[in-house]
PDB file of all heavy atoms in Angstrom:
ATOM      1  N   ASN A   1     134.710 107.114 118.802  1.00  0.00           N
ATOM      2  CA  ASN A   1     135.835 108.015 118.964  1.00  0.00           C
ATOM      3  C   ASN A   1     135.780 109.074 117.874  1.00  0.00           C
ATOM      4  O   ASN A   1     135.188 108.891 116.813  1.00  0.00           O
ATOM      5  CB  ASN A   1     137.119 107.285 118.925  1.00  0.00           C
ATOM      6  CG  ASN A   1     137.270 106.272 120.042  1.00  0.00           C
ATOM      7  OD1 ASN A   1     136.805 106.512 121.152  1.00  0.00           O
ATOM      8  ND2 ASN A   1     137.871 105.132 119.766  1.00  0.00           N
ATOM      9  N   LYS A   2     136.476 110.201 118.113  1.00  0.00           N
ATOM     10  CA  LYS A   2     136.569 111.218 117.073  1.00  0.00           C
ATOM     11  C   LYS A   2     137.212 110.599 115.837  1.00  0.00           C
ATOM     12  O   LYS A   2     138.118 109.752 115.934  1.00  0.00           O
ATOM     13  CB  LYS A   2     137.306 112.424 117.584  1.00  0.00           C
ATOM     14  CG  LYS A   2     138.812 112.230 117.825  1.00  0.00           C
ATOM     15  CD  LYS A   2     139.446 113.578 118.205  1.00  0.00           C
ATOM     16  CE  LYS A   2     140.932 113.401 118.425  1.00  0.00           C
ATOM     17  NZ  LYS A   2     141.601 114.683 118.807  1.00  0.00           N
ATOM     18  N   GLY A   3     136.726 111.032 114.665  1.00  0.00           N
ATOM     19  CA  GLY A   3     137.233 110.441 113.425  1.00  0.00           C
ATOM     20  C   GLY A   3     136.439 109.245 112.961  1.00  0.00           C
ATOM     21  O   GLY A   3     136.811 108.622 111.947  1.00  0.00           O
ATOM     22  N   ALA A   4     135.330 108.971 113.590  1.00  0.00           N
ATOM     23  CA  ALA A   4     134.466 107.891 113.158  1.00  0.00           C
ATOM     24  C   ALA A   4     133.554 108.366 111.974  1.00  0.00           C
ATOM     25  O   ALA A   4     133.087 109.498 111.978  1.00  0.00           O
ATOM     26  CB  ALA A   4     133.582 107.420 114.296  1.00  0.00           C
ATOM     27  N   ILE A   5     133.447 107.523 110.992  1.00  0.00           N
ATOM     28  CA  ILE A   5     132.563 107.817 109.832  1.00  0.00           C
ATOM     29  C   ILE A   5     131.479 106.779 109.818  1.00  0.00           C
ATOM     30  O   ILE A   5     131.747 105.584 109.840  1.00  0.00           O
ATOM     31  CB  ILE A   5     133.383 107.755 108.514  1.00  0.00           C
ATOM     32  CG1 ILE A   5     134.427 108.868 108.437  1.00  0.00           C
ATOM     33  CG2 ILE A   5     132.425 107.879 107.328  1.00  0.00           C
ATOM     34  CD1 ILE A   5     135.329 108.777 107.214  1.00  0.00           C
ATOM     35  N   PHE A   6     130.222 107.209 109.738  1.00  0.00           N
ATOM     36  CA  PHE A   6     129.099 106.350 109.559  1.00  0.00           C
ATOM     37  C   PHE A   6     128.767 106.383 108.053  1.00  0.00           C
ATOM     38  O   PHE A   6     128.633 107.452 107.468  1.00  0.00           O
ATOM     39  CB  PHE A   6     127.871 106.791 110.313  1.00  0.00           C
ATOM     40  CG  PHE A   6     127.873 106.379 111.757  1.00  0.00           C
ATOM     41  CD1 PHE A   6     128.972 105.741 112.307  1.00  0.00           C
ATOM     42  CD2 PHE A   6     126.746 106.611 112.541  1.00  0.00           C
ATOM     43  CE1 PHE A   6     128.961 105.391 113.671  1.00  0.00           C
ATOM     44  CE2 PHE A   6     126.727 106.246 113.856  1.00  0.00           C
ATOM     45  CZ  PHE A   6     127.853 105.618 114.431  1.00  0.00           C
ATOM     46  N   VAL A   7     128.682 105.195 107.444  1.00  0.00           N
ATOM     47  CA  VAL A   7     128.218 105.027 106.056  1.00  0.00           C
ATOM     48  C   VAL A   7     127.013 104.146 106.082  1.00  0.00           C
ATOM     49  O   VAL A   7     127.047 103.046 106.596  1.00  0.00           O
ATOM     50  CB  VAL A   7     129.323 104.466 105.151  1.00  0.00           C
ATOM     51  CG1 VAL A   7     128.764 104.248 103.720  1.00  0.00           C
ATOM     52  CG2 VAL A   7     130.526 105.391 105.102  1.00  0.00           C
ATOM     53  N   ASP A   8     125.912 104.610 105.448  1.00  0.00           N
ATOM     54  CA  ASP A   8     124.701 103.785 105.442  1.00  0.00           C
ATOM     55  C   ASP A   8     124.895 102.571 104.542  1.00  0.00           C
ATOM     56  O   ASP A   8     125.198 102.692 103.345  1.00  0.00           O
ATOM     57  CB  ASP A   8     123.526 104.647 104.907  1.00  0.00           C
ATOM     58  CG  ASP A   8     122.197 104.008 105.212  1.00  0.00           C
ATOM     59  OD1 ASP A   8     122.060 102.785 105.023  1.00  0.00           O
ATOM     60  OD2 ASP A   8     121.286 104.723 105.670  1.00  0.00           O
ATOM     61  N   PRO A   9     124.772 101.337 105.086  1.00  0.00           N
ATOM     62  CA  PRO A   9     124.991 100.137 104.287  1.00  0.00           C
ATOM     63  C   PRO A   9     124.018  99.998 103.135  1.00  0.00           C
ATOM     64  O   PRO A   9     124.340  99.298 102.148  1.00  0.00           O
ATOM     65  CB  PRO A   9     124.847  98.978 105.315  1.00  0.00           C
ATOM     66  CG  PRO A   9     124.025  99.570 106.420  1.00  0.00           C
ATOM     67  CD  PRO A   9     124.413 101.006 106.475  1.00  0.00           C
ATOM     68  N   ASP A  10     122.830 100.591 103.246  1.00  0.00           N
ATOM     69  CA  ASP A  10     121.887 100.517 102.151  1.00  0.00           C
ATOM     70  C   ASP A  10     122.395 101.204 100.871  1.00  0.00           C
ATOM     71  O   ASP A  10     121.886 100.960  99.797  1.00  0.00           O
ATOM     72  CB  ASP A  10     120.576 101.161 102.557  1.00  0.00           C
ATOM     73  CG  ASP A  10     119.806 100.325 103.601  1.00  0.00           C
ATOM     74  OD1 ASP A  10     120.150  99.124 103.740  1.00  0.00           O
ATOM     75  OD2 ASP A  10     118.893 100.849 104.255  1.00  0.00           O
ATOM     76  N   ALA A  11     123.421 102.077 101.026  1.00  0.00           N
ATOM     77  CA  ALA A  11     123.975 102.727  99.868  1.00  0.00           C
ATOM     78  C   ALA A  11     124.557 101.736  98.872  1.00  0.00           C
ATOM     79  O   ALA A  11     124.552 101.958  97.688  1.00  0.00           O
ATOM     80  CB  ALA A  11     125.058 103.734 100.285  1.00  0.00           C
ATOM     81  N   TYR A  12     125.016 100.595  99.370  1.00  0.00           N
ATOM     82  CA  TYR A  12     125.533  99.567  98.474  1.00  0.00           C
ATOM     83  C   TYR A  12     124.505  98.958  97.576  1.00  0.00           C
ATOM     84  O   TYR A  12     124.757  98.492  96.474  1.00  0.00           O
ATOM     85  CB  TYR A  12     126.204  98.433  99.293  1.00  0.00           C
ATOM     86  CG  TYR A  12     127.535  98.823  99.907  1.00  0.00           C
ATOM     87  CD1 TYR A  12     127.580  99.268 101.220  1.00  0.00           C
ATOM     88  CD2 TYR A  12     128.700  98.734  99.197  1.00  0.00           C
ATOM     89  CE1 TYR A  12     128.799  99.624 101.807  1.00  0.00           C
ATOM     90  CE2 TYR A  12     129.912  99.076  99.761  1.00  0.00           C
ATOM     91  CZ  TYR A  12     129.968  99.523 101.078  1.00  0.00           C
ATOM     92  OH  TYR A  12     131.161  99.873 101.666  1.00  0.00           O
ATOM     93  N   PHE A  13     123.244  98.978  98.101  1.00  0.00           N
ATOM     94  CA  PHE A  13     122.157  98.347  97.330  1.00  0.00           C
ATOM     95  C   PHE A  13     121.275  99.370  96.601  1.00  0.00           C
ATOM     96  O   PHE A  13     120.869  99.121  95.470  1.00  0.00           O
ATOM     97  CB  PHE A  13     121.305  97.511  98.280  1.00  0.00           C
ATOM     98  CG  PHE A  13     122.095  96.544  99.095  1.00  0.00           C
ATOM     99  CD1 PHE A  13     122.365  96.810 100.435  1.00  0.00           C
ATOM    100  CD2 PHE A  13     122.585  95.401  98.536  1.00  0.00           C
ATOM    101  CE1 PHE A  13     123.103  95.905 101.204  1.00  0.00           C
ATOM    102  CE2 PHE A  13     123.357  94.497  99.284  1.00  0.00           C
ATOM    103  CZ  PHE A  13     123.626  94.726 100.632  1.00  0.00           C
ATOM    104  N   LEU A  14     121.062 100.515  97.231  1.00  0.00           N
ATOM    105  CA  LEU A  14     120.146 101.519  96.638  1.00  0.00           C
ATOM    106  C   LEU A  14     120.894 102.395  95.658  1.00  0.00           C
ATOM    107  O   LEU A  14     120.271 103.032  94.787  1.00  0.00           O
ATOM    108  CB  LEU A  14     119.522 102.356  97.727  1.00  0.00           C
ATOM    109  CG  LEU A  14     118.636 101.580  98.736  1.00  0.00           C
ATOM    110  CD1 LEU A  14     118.104 102.513  99.788  1.00  0.00           C
ATOM    111  CD2 LEU A  14     117.491 100.871  98.032  1.00  0.00           C
ATOM    112  N   ARG A  15     122.214 102.510  95.790  1.00  0.00           N
ATOM    113  CA  ARG A  15     122.969 103.351  94.865  1.00  0.00           C
ATOM    114  C   ARG A  15     123.960 102.477  94.121  1.00  0.00           C
ATOM    115  O   ARG A  15     123.591 101.565  93.342  1.00  0.00           O
ATOM    116  CB  ARG A  15     123.640 104.508  95.626  1.00  0.00           C
ATOM    117  CG  ARG A  15     122.567 105.462  96.194  1.00  0.00           C
ATOM    118  CD  ARG A  15     123.180 106.494  97.109  1.00  0.00           C
ATOM    119  NE  ARG A  15     123.984 107.443  96.364  1.00  0.00           N
ATOM    120  CZ  ARG A  15     123.521 108.522  95.760  1.00  0.00           C
ATOM    121  NH1 ARG A  15     122.226 108.761  95.779  1.00  0.00           N
ATOM    122  NH2 ARG A  15     124.287 109.389  95.171  1.00  0.00           N
ATOM    123  N   ASN A  16     125.260 102.673  94.303  1.00  0.00           N
ATOM    124  CA  ASN A  16     126.246 101.799  93.703  1.00  0.00           C
ATOM    125  C   ASN A  16     127.550 101.978  94.455  1.00  0.00           C
ATOM    126  O   ASN A  16     127.700 102.849  95.273  1.00  0.00           O
ATOM    127  CB  ASN A  16     126.434 102.090  92.186  1.00  0.00           C
ATOM    128  CG  ASN A  16     126.770 103.533  91.925  1.00  0.00           C
ATOM    129  OD1 ASN A  16     127.726 104.081  92.469  1.00  0.00           O
ATOM    130  ND2 ASN A  16     125.952 104.201  91.100  1.00  0.00           N
ATOM    131  N   LEU A  17     128.513 101.064  94.169  1.00  0.00           N
ATOM    132  CA  LEU A  17     129.787 101.092  94.853  1.00  0.00           C
ATOM    133  C   LEU A  17     130.477 102.422  94.676  1.00  0.00           C
ATOM    134  O   LEU A  17     131.101 102.956  95.605  1.00  0.00           O
ATOM    135  CB  LEU A  17     130.696  99.952  94.388  1.00  0.00           C
ATOM    136  CG  LEU A  17     132.057  99.866  95.058  1.00  0.00           C
ATOM    137  CD1 LEU A  17     131.950  99.670  96.548  1.00  0.00           C
ATOM    138  CD2 LEU A  17     132.887  98.744  94.432  1.00  0.00           C
ATOM    139  N   GLY A  18     130.402 102.992  93.449  1.00  0.00           N
ATOM    140  CA  GLY A  18     131.048 104.282  93.200  1.00  0.00           C
ATOM    141  C   GLY A  18     130.520 105.379  94.106  1.00  0.00           C
ATOM    142  O   GLY A  18     131.285 106.193  94.594  1.00  0.00           O
ATOM    143  N   SER A  19     129.192 105.362  94.365  1.00  0.00           N
ATOM    144  CA  SER A  19     128.651 106.356  95.236  1.00  0.00           C
ATOM    145  C   SER A  19     129.074 106.191  96.669  1.00  0.00           C
ATOM    146  O   SER A  19     129.275 107.148  97.395  1.00  0.00           O
ATOM    147  CB  SER A  19     127.123 106.316  95.138  1.00  0.00           C
ATOM    148  OG  SER A  19     126.654 106.670  93.838  1.00  0.00           O
ATOM    149  N   VAL A  20     129.230 104.932  97.081  1.00  0.00           N
ATOM    150  CA  VAL A  20     129.682 104.643  98.450  1.00  0.00           C
ATOM    151  C   VAL A  20     131.113 105.133  98.601  1.00  0.00           C
ATOM    152  O   VAL A  20     131.485 105.784  99.605  1.00  0.00           O
ATOM    153  CB  VAL A  20     129.625 103.145  98.773  1.00  0.00           C
ATOM    154  CG1 VAL A  20     130.240 102.844 100.124  1.00  0.00           C
ATOM    155  CG2 VAL A  20     128.132 102.701  98.748  1.00  0.00           C
ATOM    156  N   ASN A  21     131.972 104.831  97.618  1.00  0.00           N
ATOM    157  CA  ASN A  21     133.349 105.309  97.660  1.00  0.00           C
ATOM    158  C   ASN A  21     133.405 106.826  97.748  1.00  0.00           C
ATOM    159  O   ASN A  21     134.177 107.402  98.523  1.00  0.00           O
ATOM    160  CB  ASN A  21     134.118 104.813  96.418  1.00  0.00           C
ATOM    161  CG  ASN A  21     134.340 103.355  96.421  1.00  0.00           C
ATOM    162  OD1 ASN A  21     134.218 102.656  97.493  1.00  0.00           O
ATOM    163  ND2 ASN A  21     134.722 102.785  95.279  1.00  0.00           N
ATOM    164  N   ASN A  22     132.549 107.477  96.971  1.00  0.00           N
ATOM    165  CA  ASN A  22     132.497 108.960  96.970  1.00  0.00           C
ATOM    166  C   ASN A  22     132.075 109.452  98.354  1.00  0.00           C
ATOM    167  O   ASN A  22     132.621 110.438  98.837  1.00  0.00           O
ATOM    168  CB  ASN A  22     131.519 109.445  95.918  1.00  0.00           C
ATOM    169  CG  ASN A  22     131.407 110.936  95.917  1.00  0.00           C
ATOM    170  OD1 ASN A  22     130.555 111.507  96.612  1.00  0.00           O
ATOM    171  ND2 ASN A  22     132.187 111.593  95.089  1.00  0.00           N
ATOM    172  N   THR A  23     131.135 108.784  99.000  1.00  0.00           N
ATOM    173  CA  THR A  23     130.682 109.183 100.335  1.00  0.00           C
ATOM    174  C   THR A  23     131.854 109.148 101.340  1.00  0.00           C
ATOM    175  O   THR A  23     132.027 110.116 102.103  1.00  0.00           O
ATOM    176  CB  THR A  23     129.542 108.221 100.807  1.00  0.00           C
ATOM    177  OG1 THR A  23     128.453 108.355  99.940  1.00  0.00           O
ATOM    178  CG2 THR A  23     129.155 108.568 102.232  1.00  0.00           C
ATOM    179  N   ILE A  24     132.637 108.112 101.305  1.00  0.00           N
ATOM    180  CA  ILE A  24     133.755 108.011 102.246  1.00  0.00           C
ATOM    181  C   ILE A  24     134.789 109.095 101.999  1.00  0.00           C
ATOM    182  O   ILE A  24     135.266 109.763 102.914  1.00  0.00           O
ATOM    183  CB  ILE A  24     134.373 106.625 102.169  1.00  0.00           C
ATOM    184  CG1 ILE A  24     133.340 105.558 102.579  1.00  0.00           C
ATOM    185  CG2 ILE A  24     135.602 106.539 103.088  1.00  0.00           C
ATOM    186  CD1 ILE A  24     133.795 104.095 102.369  1.00  0.00           C
ATOM    187  N   VAL A  25     135.117 109.289 100.721  1.00  0.00           N
ATOM    188  CA  VAL A  25     136.097 110.328 100.401  1.00  0.00           C
ATOM    189  C   VAL A  25     135.566 111.713 100.767  1.00  0.00           C
ATOM    190  O   VAL A  25     136.284 112.573 101.270  1.00  0.00           O
ATOM    191  CB  VAL A  25     136.491 110.274  98.869  1.00  0.00           C
ATOM    192  CG1 VAL A  25     137.395 111.402  98.509  1.00  0.00           C
ATOM    193  CG2 VAL A  25     137.129 108.961  98.568  1.00  0.00           C
ATOM    194  N   HIS A  26     134.285 111.914 100.537  1.00  0.00           N
ATOM    195  CA  HIS A  26     133.602 113.154 100.902  1.00  0.00           C
ATOM    196  C   HIS A  26     133.784 113.459 102.395  1.00  0.00           C
ATOM    197  O   HIS A  26     134.158 114.544 102.782  1.00  0.00           O
ATOM    198  CB  HIS A  26     132.105 113.015 100.576  1.00  0.00           C
ATOM    199  CG  HIS A  26     131.254 114.132 100.913  1.00  0.00           C
ATOM    200  ND1 HIS A  26     130.681 114.987 100.002  1.00  0.00           N
ATOM    201  CD2 HIS A  26     130.827 114.638 102.116  1.00  0.00           C
ATOM    202  CE1 HIS A  26     129.946 115.928 100.569  1.00  0.00           C
ATOM    203  NE2 HIS A  26     129.990 115.708 101.909  1.00  0.00           N
ATOM    204  N   GLU A  27     133.586 112.423 103.233  1.00  0.00           N
ATOM    205  CA  GLU A  27     133.730 112.613 104.690  1.00  0.00           C
ATOM    206  C   GLU A  27     135.217 112.861 105.044  1.00  0.00           C
ATOM    207  O   GLU A  27     135.526 113.631 105.955  1.00  0.00           O
ATOM    208  CB  GLU A  27     133.204 111.421 105.452  1.00  0.00           C
ATOM    209  CG  GLU A  27     131.730 111.097 105.203  1.00  0.00           C
ATOM    210  CD  GLU A  27     130.820 112.252 105.437  1.00  0.00           C
ATOM    211  OE1 GLU A  27     131.139 113.115 106.282  1.00  0.00           O
ATOM    212  OE2 GLU A  27     129.754 112.336 104.808  1.00  0.00           O
TER     213      GLU A  27
END
């Protein structure tokens, strides 16, 4: 549905939680 956000789960392992949080806020 409109308003869906895809976040790559590998971001939790290849980057860090702070970067994942930033990705969601960015979207």
